[in-house]
Amino acid sequence: MWGFMSTLVDKIISGRDLTFNLEFQRDEESGWFAVHVVELPGCVSEGATIEEATVNVANALESYMEVLLQTAIRSQAGRESLLAVESPVIQTAKLRLRPRFEVRA
């Protein structure tokens, strides 16, 4: 998995657009939507609507990438945890974003 993360770090630094696959689950009790980024275990968010969940996961992605860059700079590979999802996937999507933060050495 570090090979993928290393490639992702290179793409982040280059400033290229990044595309991620999203999976949405709906909580039957609350009606809220949980969303996770397929390629990035542990990168999850939620929202009252799919649109809100998408905006929230975009923010989570930025934070995830910041941490990934900090880890790469320090040359430390972190352990990944897998999200156990028991609800059926009700929708999938792709999200393209351009990181807005600056890379500083």
N, C-alpha and C. Protein backbone atom coordinates (compact mmCIF):
# COMPACT_ATOMS: atom_id res chain seq x y z
N MET A 1 0.82 -1.20 0.00
CA MET A 1 0.00 0.00 0.00
C MET A 1 0.86 1.25 0.00
N TRP A 2 2.09 1.19 0.58
CA TRP A 2 2.92 2.39 0.61
C TRP A 2 3.26 2.84 -0.81
N GLY A 3 3.38 1.90 -1.78
CA GLY A 3 3.64 2.27 -3.17
C GLY A 3 2.55 3.21 -3.68
N PHE A 4 1.29 2.86 -3.40
CA PHE A 4 0.18 3.72 -3.80
C PHE A 4 0.26 5.06 -3.10
N MET A 5 0.58 5.04 -1.81
CA MET A 5 0.66 6.29 -1.04
C MET A 5 1.80 7.17 -1.57
N SER A 6 2.91 6.55 -1.93
CA SER A 6 4.04 7.30 -2.48
C SER A 6 3.65 7.97 -3.80
N THR A 7 2.92 7.24 -4.63
CA THR A 7 2.43 7.80 -5.89
C THR A 7 1.46 8.94 -5.62
N LEU A 8 0.60 8.76 -4.63
CA LEU A 8 -0.35 9.81 -4.25
C LEU A 8 0.38 11.05 -3.77
N VAL A 9 1.41 10.88 -2.96
CA VAL A 9 2.21 12.02 -2.49
C VAL A 9 2.80 12.76 -3.68
N ASP A 10 3.33 12.03 -4.65
CA ASP A 10 3.90 12.66 -5.85
C ASP A 10 2.83 13.48 -6.59
N LYS A 11 1.63 12.95 -6.71
CA LYS A 11 0.54 13.66 -7.38
C LYS A 11 0.13 14.91 -6.60
N ILE A 12 0.10 14.80 -5.27
CA ILE A 12 -0.27 15.95 -4.44
C ILE A 12 0.75 17.07 -4.64
N ILE A 13 2.03 16.71 -4.59
CA ILE A 13 3.09 17.70 -4.73
C ILE A 13 3.06 18.36 -6.11
N SER A 14 2.71 17.59 -7.13
CA SER A 14 2.68 18.13 -8.50
C SER A 14 1.52 19.10 -8.71
N GLY A 15 0.51 19.05 -7.84
CA GLY A 15 -0.64 19.94 -7.98
C GLY A 15 -1.66 19.45 -8.98
N ARG A 16 -1.51 18.23 -9.48
CA ARG A 16 -2.48 17.68 -10.42
C ARG A 16 -3.81 17.38 -9.74
N ASP A 17 -4.88 17.39 -10.54
CA ASP A 17 -6.18 16.98 -10.01
C ASP A 17 -6.11 15.52 -9.59
N LEU A 18 -6.81 15.19 -8.54
CA LEU A 18 -6.86 13.83 -8.02
C LEU A 18 -8.29 13.33 -8.09
N THR A 19 -8.47 12.08 -8.48
CA THR A 19 -9.80 11.49 -8.54
C THR A 19 -9.87 10.32 -7.58
N PHE A 20 -10.92 10.30 -6.76
CA PHE A 20 -11.11 9.24 -5.78
C PHE A 20 -12.49 8.63 -5.95
N ASN A 21 -12.62 7.37 -5.62
CA ASN A 21 -13.91 6.68 -5.63
C ASN A 21 -14.54 6.79 -4.25
N LEU A 22 -15.81 7.15 -4.23
CA LEU A 22 -16.56 7.29 -2.98
C LEU A 22 -17.65 6.24 -2.91
N GLU A 23 -17.91 5.73 -1.71
CA GLU A 23 -19.04 4.84 -1.48
C GLU A 23 -19.89 5.42 -0.36
N PHE A 24 -21.19 5.44 -0.59
CA PHE A 24 -22.13 6.00 0.36
C PHE A 24 -22.99 4.91 0.97
N GLN A 25 -23.24 5.00 2.26
CA GLN A 25 -24.20 4.14 2.94
C GLN A 25 -25.17 5.05 3.69
N ARG A 26 -26.41 4.62 3.74
CA ARG A 26 -27.41 5.40 4.47
C ARG A 26 -27.73 4.71 5.79
N ASP A 27 -27.65 5.46 6.87
CA ASP A 27 -28.01 4.94 8.19
C ASP A 27 -29.52 4.92 8.26
N GLU A 28 -30.08 3.75 8.44
CA GLU A 28 -31.54 3.59 8.45
C GLU A 28 -32.20 4.33 9.61
N GLU A 29 -31.53 4.41 10.75
CA GLU A 29 -32.13 5.07 11.92
C GLU A 29 -32.14 6.58 11.78
N SER A 30 -30.99 7.16 11.43
CA SER A 30 -30.89 8.63 11.39
C SER A 30 -31.21 9.20 10.03
N GLY A 31 -31.07 8.39 8.97
CA GLY A 31 -31.28 8.89 7.62
C GLY A 31 -30.05 9.58 7.05
N TRP A 32 -28.99 9.70 7.84
CA TRP A 32 -27.77 10.36 7.38
C TRP A 32 -27.00 9.44 6.45
N PHE A 33 -26.11 10.05 5.67
CA PHE A 33 -25.28 9.31 4.72
C PHE A 33 -23.84 9.28 5.20
N ALA A 34 -23.28 8.08 5.29
CA ALA A 34 -21.86 7.92 5.57
C ALA A 34 -21.17 7.74 4.22
N VAL A 35 -19.98 8.30 4.09
CA VAL A 35 -19.23 8.17 2.84
C VAL A 35 -17.79 7.86 3.19
N HIS A 36 -17.19 6.94 2.42
CA HIS A 36 -15.77 6.68 2.61
C HIS A 36 -15.07 6.66 1.26
N VAL A 37 -13.79 7.02 1.30
CA VAL A 37 -12.96 7.04 0.11
C VAL A 37 -12.36 5.65 -0.05
N VAL A 38 -12.71 4.99 -1.14
CA VAL A 38 -12.32 3.60 -1.35
C VAL A 38 -10.81 3.42 -1.28
N GLU A 39 -10.06 4.32 -1.88
CA GLU A 39 -8.61 4.18 -1.96
C GLU A 39 -7.88 4.54 -0.66
N LEU A 40 -8.55 5.20 0.26
CA LEU A 40 -7.89 5.69 1.47
C LEU A 40 -8.59 5.16 2.72
N PRO A 41 -8.19 4.01 3.21
CA PRO A 41 -8.82 3.45 4.41
C PRO A 41 -8.82 4.45 5.57
N GLY A 42 -9.94 4.60 6.20
CA GLY A 42 -10.06 5.51 7.33
C GLY A 42 -10.46 6.91 6.95
N CYS A 43 -10.53 7.23 5.67
CA CYS A 43 -10.94 8.57 5.23
C CYS A 43 -12.46 8.52 5.03
N VAL A 44 -13.19 8.98 6.04
CA VAL A 44 -14.65 8.88 6.06
C VAL A 44 -15.27 10.20 6.51
N SER A 45 -16.53 10.37 6.20
CA SER A 45 -17.30 11.49 6.71
C SER A 45 -18.77 11.13 6.62
N GLU A 46 -19.62 12.12 6.90
CA GLU A 46 -21.06 11.90 6.85
C GLU A 46 -21.76 13.22 6.57
N GLY A 47 -23.03 13.13 6.26
CA GLY A 47 -23.84 14.33 6.05
C GLY A 47 -25.30 13.98 6.00
N ALA A 48 -26.15 14.99 6.17
CA ALA A 48 -27.59 14.77 6.14
C ALA A 48 -28.07 14.42 4.73
N THR A 49 -27.32 14.87 3.71
CA THR A 49 -27.63 14.56 2.31
C THR A 49 -26.35 14.02 1.66
N ILE A 50 -26.50 13.42 0.49
CA ILE A 50 -25.31 12.95 -0.23
C ILE A 50 -24.42 14.13 -0.59
N GLU A 51 -25.02 15.25 -0.96
CA GLU A 51 -24.24 16.43 -1.32
C GLU A 51 -23.43 16.94 -0.12
N GLU A 52 -24.06 17.00 1.04
CA GLU A 52 -23.36 17.44 2.25
C GLU A 52 -22.26 16.46 2.63
N ALA A 53 -22.54 15.17 2.50
CA ALA A 53 -21.52 14.16 2.80
C ALA A 53 -20.34 14.30 1.84
N THR A 54 -20.60 14.63 0.58
CA THR A 54 -19.53 14.81 -0.40
C THR A 54 -18.66 16.01 -0.05
N VAL A 55 -19.28 17.11 0.32
CA VAL A 55 -18.51 18.30 0.75
C VAL A 55 -17.68 17.97 1.98
N ASN A 56 -18.28 17.28 2.94
CA ASN A 56 -17.58 16.94 4.17
C ASN A 56 -16.41 16.00 3.92
N VAL A 57 -16.58 15.03 3.00
CA VAL A 57 -15.48 14.10 2.73
C VAL A 57 -14.37 14.79 1.94
N ALA A 58 -14.71 15.81 1.16
CA ALA A 58 -13.67 16.59 0.47
C ALA A 58 -12.78 17.28 1.51
N ASN A 59 -13.39 17.81 2.55
CA ASN A 59 -12.62 18.42 3.65
C ASN A 59 -11.77 17.37 4.36
N ALA A 60 -12.36 16.20 4.58
CA ALA A 60 -11.62 15.11 5.23
C ALA A 60 -10.44 14.68 4.35
N LEU A 61 -10.64 14.67 3.04
CA LEU A 61 -9.56 14.31 2.11
C LEU A 61 -8.39 15.29 2.22
N GLU A 62 -8.69 16.56 2.30
CA GLU A 62 -7.62 17.55 2.43
C GLU A 62 -6.81 17.30 3.70
N SER A 63 -7.50 17.04 4.80
CA SER A 63 -6.80 16.75 6.05
C SER A 63 -5.99 15.47 5.93
N TYR A 64 -6.57 14.46 5.31
CA TYR A 64 -5.89 13.18 5.12
C TYR A 64 -4.60 13.40 4.32
N MET A 65 -4.69 14.20 3.26
CA MET A 65 -3.52 14.45 2.41
C MET A 65 -2.45 15.26 3.15
N GLU A 66 -2.86 16.19 3.98
CA GLU A 66 -1.89 16.95 4.78
C GLU A 66 -1.10 16.02 5.69
N VAL A 67 -1.81 15.11 6.34
CA VAL A 67 -1.14 14.16 7.23
C VAL A 67 -0.24 13.24 6.41
N LEU A 68 -0.71 12.81 5.26
CA LEU A 68 0.08 11.95 4.40
C LEU A 68 1.38 12.64 3.98
N LEU A 69 1.29 13.91 3.63
CA LEU A 69 2.49 14.67 3.27
C LEU A 69 3.45 14.80 4.45
N GLN A 70 2.91 15.10 5.61
CA GLN A 70 3.76 15.22 6.80
C GLN A 70 4.47 13.90 7.08
N THR A 71 3.74 12.81 6.92
CA THR A 71 4.31 11.49 7.14
C THR A 71 5.40 11.20 6.12
N ALA A 72 5.15 11.53 4.86
CA ALA A 72 6.14 11.30 3.81
C ALA A 72 7.38 12.13 4.05
N ILE A 73 7.19 13.37 4.47
CA ILE A 73 8.33 14.25 4.74
C ILE A 73 9.19 13.67 5.85
N ARG A 74 8.56 13.11 6.85
CA ARG A 74 9.30 12.51 7.97
C ARG A 74 9.76 11.08 7.67
N SER A 75 9.39 10.59 6.48
CA SER A 75 9.74 9.23 6.05
C SER A 75 9.24 8.16 7.02
N GLN A 76 8.06 8.36 7.53
CA GLN A 76 7.45 7.39 8.43
C GLN A 76 6.16 6.90 7.82
N ALA A 77 6.07 5.62 7.60
CA ALA A 77 4.83 5.05 7.09
C ALA A 77 3.93 4.70 8.27
N GLY A 78 2.73 5.25 8.28
CA GLY A 78 1.78 4.96 9.36
C GLY A 78 1.01 3.68 9.07
N ARG A 79 0.48 3.14 10.12
CA ARG A 79 -0.38 1.96 9.94
C ARG A 79 -1.76 2.41 9.48
N GLU A 80 -2.37 1.59 8.65
CA GLU A 80 -3.70 1.90 8.15
C GLU A 80 -4.72 1.01 8.85
N SER A 81 -5.84 1.58 9.11
CA SER A 81 -6.91 0.77 9.67
C SER A 81 -8.02 0.67 8.65
N LEU A 82 -8.67 -0.43 8.62
CA LEU A 82 -9.75 -0.64 7.67
C LEU A 82 -11.08 -0.31 8.33
N LEU A 83 -11.95 0.30 7.57
CA LEU A 83 -13.29 0.62 8.04
C LEU A 83 -14.20 -0.56 7.76
N ALA A 84 -14.81 -1.09 8.79
CA ALA A 84 -15.75 -2.19 8.62
C ALA A 84 -17.12 -1.58 8.34
N VAL A 85 -17.65 -1.89 7.18
CA VAL A 85 -18.93 -1.33 6.78
C VAL A 85 -19.94 -2.46 6.71
N GLU A 86 -21.01 -2.32 7.48
CA GLU A 86 -22.02 -3.36 7.49
C GLU A 86 -23.25 -2.98 6.67
N SER A 87 -23.45 -1.70 6.40
CA SER A 87 -24.59 -1.26 5.62
C SER A 87 -24.31 -1.48 4.14
N PRO A 88 -25.34 -1.76 3.34
CA PRO A 88 -25.12 -1.94 1.91
C PRO A 88 -24.78 -0.60 1.26
N VAL A 89 -23.94 -0.66 0.24
CA VAL A 89 -23.59 0.54 -0.52
C VAL A 89 -24.81 0.92 -1.35
N ILE A 90 -25.27 2.17 -1.22
CA ILE A 90 -26.46 2.60 -1.97
C ILE A 90 -26.11 3.47 -3.16
N GLN A 91 -24.90 4.02 -3.16
CA GLN A 91 -24.49 4.87 -4.27
C GLN A 91 -22.97 4.95 -4.28
N THR A 92 -22.42 5.09 -5.46
CA THR A 92 -20.98 5.32 -5.59
C THR A 92 -20.78 6.58 -6.42
N ALA A 93 -19.61 7.18 -6.31
CA ALA A 93 -19.32 8.40 -7.06
C ALA A 93 -17.82 8.55 -7.18
N LYS A 94 -17.41 9.45 -8.04
CA LYS A 94 -16.01 9.85 -8.14
C LYS A 94 -15.93 11.30 -7.72
N LEU A 95 -14.85 11.65 -7.04
CA LEU A 95 -14.65 13.02 -6.59
C LEU A 95 -13.29 13.47 -7.09
N ARG A 96 -13.25 14.59 -7.81
CA ARG A 96 -12.00 15.14 -8.29
C ARG A 96 -11.76 16.44 -7.56
N LEU A 97 -10.55 16.60 -7.04
CA LEU A 97 -10.24 17.83 -6.35
C LEU A 97 -8.79 18.19 -6.56
N ARG A 98 -8.49 19.43 -6.39
CA ARG A 98 -7.12 19.94 -6.46
C ARG A 98 -6.77 20.43 -5.07
N PRO A 99 -5.71 19.87 -4.49
CA PRO A 99 -5.32 20.31 -3.14
C PRO A 99 -5.10 21.82 -3.10
N ARG A 100 -5.60 22.47 -2.05
CA ARG A 100 -5.50 23.92 -1.93
C ARG A 100 -4.43 24.37 -0.98
N PHE A 101 -3.74 23.45 -0.35
CA PHE A 101 -2.74 23.85 0.61
C PHE A 101 -1.36 23.92 -0.05
N GLU A 102 -0.44 24.60 0.56
CA GLU A 102 0.91 24.74 0.03
C GLU A 102 1.81 23.66 0.62
N VAL A 103 2.71 23.17 -0.21
CA VAL A 103 3.69 22.20 0.25
C VAL A 103 4.94 22.99 0.63
N ARG A 104 5.38 22.84 1.86
CA ARG A 104 6.57 23.54 2.35
C ARG A 104 7.60 22.52 2.80
N ALA A 105 8.82 22.78 2.45
CA ALA A 105 9.89 21.85 2.85
C ALA A 105 10.38 22.17 4.24
